[in-house]
N, C-alpha and C. Protein backbone atom coordinates (compact mmCIF):
# COMPACT_ATOMS: atom_id res chain seq x y z
N VAL A 1 -10.33 117.38 -210.26
CA VAL A 1 -11.36 116.40 -210.15
C VAL A 1 -12.58 116.58 -210.89
N TYR A 2 -12.99 117.80 -211.73
CA TYR A 2 -13.80 118.24 -212.74
C TYR A 2 -13.09 118.46 -213.87
N ALA A 3 -11.90 118.05 -214.13
CA ALA A 3 -11.14 118.59 -215.68
C ALA A 3 -11.44 118.07 -216.63
N GLY A 4 -11.91 116.65 -216.73
CA GLY A 4 -12.59 116.15 -217.81
C GLY A 4 -13.58 116.72 -217.90
N GLU A 5 -14.32 117.33 -217.39
CA GLU A 5 -15.77 118.07 -217.78
C GLU A 5 -15.43 119.21 -218.74
N ALA A 6 -14.49 119.93 -218.01
CA ALA A 6 -13.96 121.17 -218.68
C ALA A 6 -13.39 120.79 -219.68
N LEU A 7 -12.76 119.91 -220.13
CA LEU A 7 -12.14 119.35 -221.01
C LEU A 7 -13.00 119.38 -222.18
N VAL A 8 -14.24 118.51 -221.92
CA VAL A 8 -15.17 118.20 -222.72
C VAL A 8 -15.97 119.30 -223.39
N ILE A 9 -15.74 120.43 -222.34
CA ILE A 9 -16.73 121.75 -223.08
C ILE A 9 -15.90 122.63 -223.87
N VAL A 10 -14.59 122.31 -223.56
CA VAL A 10 -13.34 123.08 -224.48
C VAL A 10 -13.54 122.38 -225.93
N PHE A 11 -13.87 120.75 -225.80
CA PHE A 11 -13.72 120.25 -226.93
C PHE A 11 -15.01 120.91 -227.61
N VAL A 12 -16.20 120.60 -227.08
CA VAL A 12 -17.18 121.03 -227.57
C VAL A 12 -17.26 122.44 -228.18
N ILE A 13 -16.92 123.30 -227.59
CA ILE A 13 -16.80 124.62 -228.20
C ILE A 13 -15.72 124.89 -229.28
N ARG A 14 -14.84 124.27 -229.22
CA ARG A 14 -14.01 123.83 -230.45
C ARG A 14 -14.65 123.62 -231.90
N ASN A 15 -15.41 122.26 -231.45
CA ASN A 15 -16.17 121.86 -232.81
C ASN A 15 -17.18 122.82 -233.20
N ILE A 16 -17.66 123.25 -232.05
CA ILE A 16 -18.80 124.30 -232.83
C ILE A 16 -18.19 125.28 -233.61
N ILE A 17 -17.17 125.69 -233.07
CA ILE A 17 -16.36 127.18 -233.89
C ILE A 17 -16.21 126.73 -235.25
N ALA A 18 -15.39 125.17 -235.40
CA ALA A 18 -15.17 124.61 -236.41
C ALA A 18 -16.14 124.39 -237.32
N LEU A 19 -17.25 123.71 -237.04
CA LEU A 19 -18.50 123.85 -237.63
C LEU A 19 -18.99 124.73 -238.46
N VAL A 20 -19.24 125.97 -237.54
CA VAL A 20 -19.15 127.42 -238.40
C VAL A 20 -18.49 127.91 -238.86
N CYS A 21 -17.40 127.65 -238.45
CA CYS A 21 -16.27 127.93 -240.05
C CYS A 21 -16.47 127.37 -241.39
N SER A 22 -16.76 126.14 -241.18
CA SER A 22 -16.95 125.09 -242.20
C SER A 22 -18.14 125.88 -243.03
N PHE A 23 -19.02 126.06 -242.66
CA PHE A 23 -20.33 126.71 -243.35
C PHE A 23 -19.69 127.78 -244.42
N TYR A 24 -18.94 128.63 -243.95
CA TYR A 24 -18.45 129.93 -244.61
C TYR A 24 -17.12 129.75 -245.20
N THR A 25 -16.59 128.81 -245.52
CA THR A 25 -15.36 128.58 -245.66
C THR A 25 -14.79 128.79 -247.17
N ASN A 26 -15.91 128.57 -248.10
CA ASN A 26 -15.99 128.89 -249.52
C ASN A 26 -15.90 130.05 -249.99
N GLN A 27 -16.78 130.97 -249.36
CA GLN A 27 -16.79 132.22 -249.58
C GLN A 27 -15.75 133.04 -248.94
N TRP A 28 -14.90 132.62 -248.09
CA TRP A 28 -13.95 133.01 -247.16
C TRP A 28 -12.68 132.86 -247.94
N ILE A 29 -12.30 131.56 -248.47
CA ILE A 29 -11.18 131.20 -249.20
C ILE A 29 -11.45 132.18 -250.18
N GLY A 30 -12.63 132.50 -251.11
CA GLY A 30 -12.84 133.44 -252.08
C GLY A 30 -12.37 134.38 -252.12
N LYS A 31 -12.42 134.75 -250.68
CA LYS A 31 -12.12 136.62 -250.30
C LYS A 31 -10.66 136.52 -249.97
N ASP A 32 -10.15 135.79 -248.83
CA ASP A 32 -8.89 136.13 -248.69
C ASP A 32 -7.92 135.25 -248.91
N GLY A 33 -8.10 134.00 -249.40
CA GLY A 33 -6.82 132.96 -249.91
C GLY A 33 -7.01 131.82 -248.88
N LEU A 34 -6.61 130.88 -249.63
CA LEU A 34 -6.48 129.40 -248.62
C LEU A 34 -5.56 129.90 -247.63
N GLN A 35 -4.48 130.49 -247.97
CA GLN A 35 -3.27 130.41 -246.79
C GLN A 35 -4.08 130.94 -245.17
N ALA A 36 -4.55 132.26 -245.58
CA ALA A 36 -5.05 133.04 -244.80
C ALA A 36 -6.10 132.42 -243.94
N VAL A 37 -6.66 131.76 -244.54
CA VAL A 37 -8.21 130.78 -243.92
C VAL A 37 -7.75 129.54 -242.89
N THR A 38 -6.81 129.02 -243.89
CA THR A 38 -6.04 127.87 -242.82
C THR A 38 -5.53 128.31 -241.61
N GLY A 39 -4.66 129.40 -241.68
CA GLY A 39 -3.94 129.84 -240.63
C GLY A 39 -4.89 130.52 -239.52
N THR A 40 -5.76 131.09 -239.95
CA THR A 40 -7.08 131.73 -238.90
C THR A 40 -7.44 130.74 -238.34
N MET A 41 -8.39 129.49 -238.99
CA MET A 41 -8.85 128.15 -238.05
C MET A 41 -7.92 127.69 -237.56
N ALA A 42 -6.80 127.45 -237.88
CA ALA A 42 -5.90 126.63 -236.87
C ALA A 42 -5.31 127.34 -235.72
N GLY A 43 -5.27 128.71 -235.62
CA GLY A 43 -4.92 129.55 -234.58
C GLY A 43 -6.10 129.68 -233.64
N LEU A 44 -7.51 129.54 -234.32
CA LEU A 44 -8.65 129.41 -233.34
C LEU A 44 -8.60 128.23 -232.78
N GLU A 45 -8.51 127.05 -233.39
CA GLU A 45 -8.31 125.60 -232.75
C GLU A 45 -7.43 125.24 -231.88
N TRP A 46 -6.09 126.00 -232.23
CA TRP A 46 -4.99 125.86 -231.16
C TRP A 46 -5.01 126.45 -229.79
N THR A 47 -5.94 127.80 -230.22
CA THR A 47 -6.05 128.64 -228.62
C THR A 47 -7.19 128.14 -228.16
N LEU A 48 -8.30 127.44 -228.52
CA LEU A 48 -9.26 126.81 -227.94
C LEU A 48 -8.72 125.43 -226.81
N LEU A 49 -7.78 124.74 -227.68
CA LEU A 49 -7.54 123.86 -227.35
C LEU A 49 -6.31 123.77 -225.92
N LEU A 50 -5.56 124.97 -226.22
CA LEU A 50 -5.00 125.23 -225.11
C LEU A 50 -5.32 125.80 -223.70
N VAL A 51 -6.34 126.12 -224.08
CA VAL A 51 -7.42 126.54 -222.87
C VAL A 51 -7.58 125.58 -221.85
N ALA A 52 -7.57 124.13 -222.19
CA ALA A 52 -7.71 122.94 -221.26
C ALA A 52 -6.36 122.83 -220.76
N VAL A 53 -5.54 123.34 -220.53
CA VAL A 53 -4.08 123.37 -220.29
C VAL A 53 -4.21 124.11 -218.73
N PRO A 54 -4.59 125.26 -218.63
CA PRO A 54 -4.49 126.15 -217.28
C PRO A 54 -5.73 125.47 -216.81
N MET A 55 -7.05 125.22 -217.18
CA MET A 55 -7.92 124.61 -216.65
C MET A 55 -7.63 123.14 -216.05
N TYR A 56 -6.67 122.33 -216.46
CA TYR A 56 -6.46 120.93 -216.05
C TYR A 56 -5.39 121.56 -214.95
N LEU A 57 -4.36 122.08 -215.10
CA LEU A 57 -3.47 122.42 -213.95
C LEU A 57 -3.96 123.53 -213.04
N PHE A 58 -5.02 124.08 -212.90
CA PHE A 58 -5.78 125.11 -212.00
C PHE A 58 -6.79 124.68 -211.53
N SER A 59 -6.94 123.39 -211.56
CA SER A 59 -8.48 122.96 -211.29
C SER A 59 -9.02 123.11 -210.23
N ARG A 60 -8.32 122.49 -208.81
CA ARG A 60 -8.47 122.74 -207.66
C ARG A 60 -8.81 124.54 -207.26
N GLN A 61 -7.77 125.22 -207.83
CA GLN A 61 -8.08 126.54 -207.46
C GLN A 61 -9.41 127.11 -207.88
N ILE A 62 -9.43 126.59 -209.15
CA ILE A 62 -10.73 127.04 -210.16
C ILE A 62 -12.09 126.38 -209.21
N LEU A 63 -12.25 125.33 -208.58
CA LEU A 63 -13.31 124.67 -208.33
C LEU A 63 -13.28 125.14 -206.86
N SER A 64 -12.40 125.66 -206.34
CA SER A 64 -12.32 126.10 -204.74
C SER A 64 -13.03 127.58 -204.86
N PHE A 65 -12.90 128.45 -206.27
CA PHE A 65 -13.40 129.57 -206.05
C PHE A 65 -14.66 129.58 -206.48
N THR A 66 -14.74 128.61 -207.49
CA THR A 66 -16.48 128.68 -207.68
C THR A 66 -17.27 128.10 -206.63
N ASP A 67 -16.70 126.85 -205.95
CA ASP A 67 -17.44 126.47 -204.49
C ASP A 67 -17.99 127.52 -203.54
N SER A 68 -17.41 128.85 -203.65
CA SER A 68 -17.47 129.77 -202.60
C SER A 68 -18.65 130.47 -202.75
N TYR A 69 -19.16 130.27 -204.23
CA TYR A 69 -20.25 131.59 -204.11
C TYR A 69 -21.49 130.78 -205.26
N GLY A 70 -22.48 131.54 -205.38
CA GLY A 70 -23.30 131.01 -206.86
C GLY A 70 -24.22 130.04 -206.43
N PRO A 71 -24.26 129.11 -207.77
CA PRO A 71 -25.03 128.08 -207.66
C PRO A 71 -24.43 126.78 -206.88
N MET A 72 -23.18 126.55 -207.26
CA MET A 72 -22.40 125.65 -206.30
C MET A 72 -22.56 125.82 -205.04
N LYS A 73 -22.94 126.73 -203.95
CA LYS A 73 -22.87 127.24 -202.69
C LYS A 73 -24.10 126.53 -202.39
N ARG A 74 -25.25 126.87 -203.36
CA ARG A 74 -26.78 126.49 -202.77
C ARG A 74 -26.92 125.11 -202.89
N VAL A 75 -26.32 124.18 -203.94
CA VAL A 75 -26.47 122.77 -204.13
C VAL A 75 -25.69 122.09 -203.14
N HIS A 76 -24.62 122.74 -202.55
CA HIS A 76 -23.84 122.07 -201.46
C HIS A 76 -25.04 122.07 -200.08
N ARG A 77 -25.31 123.03 -200.03
CA ARG A 77 -26.39 123.23 -199.09
C ARG A 77 -27.65 122.44 -198.94
N GLU A 78 -28.17 122.06 -200.29
CA GLU A 78 -29.19 121.15 -200.29
C GLU A 78 -28.84 119.52 -199.87
N MET A 79 -27.76 119.53 -200.25
CA MET A 79 -26.93 118.05 -200.18
C MET A 79 -27.12 117.66 -198.95
């Protein structure tokens, strides 16, 4: 139901990490070399992208778990 919103959050976090990495890329490449930097950045990007798969597959279980406590429980009472 809310898998789209979760996917958007994953993309936002992934892009923030990519932006931060781009600020330090020149110094990083000079220190460790292009191949090491590219591999590390690609690994981070793919890891965050793949987080969306279990969130999509288990979205109902995640929603029912988070619905049973915390802020969502209070929101449903007010509605």
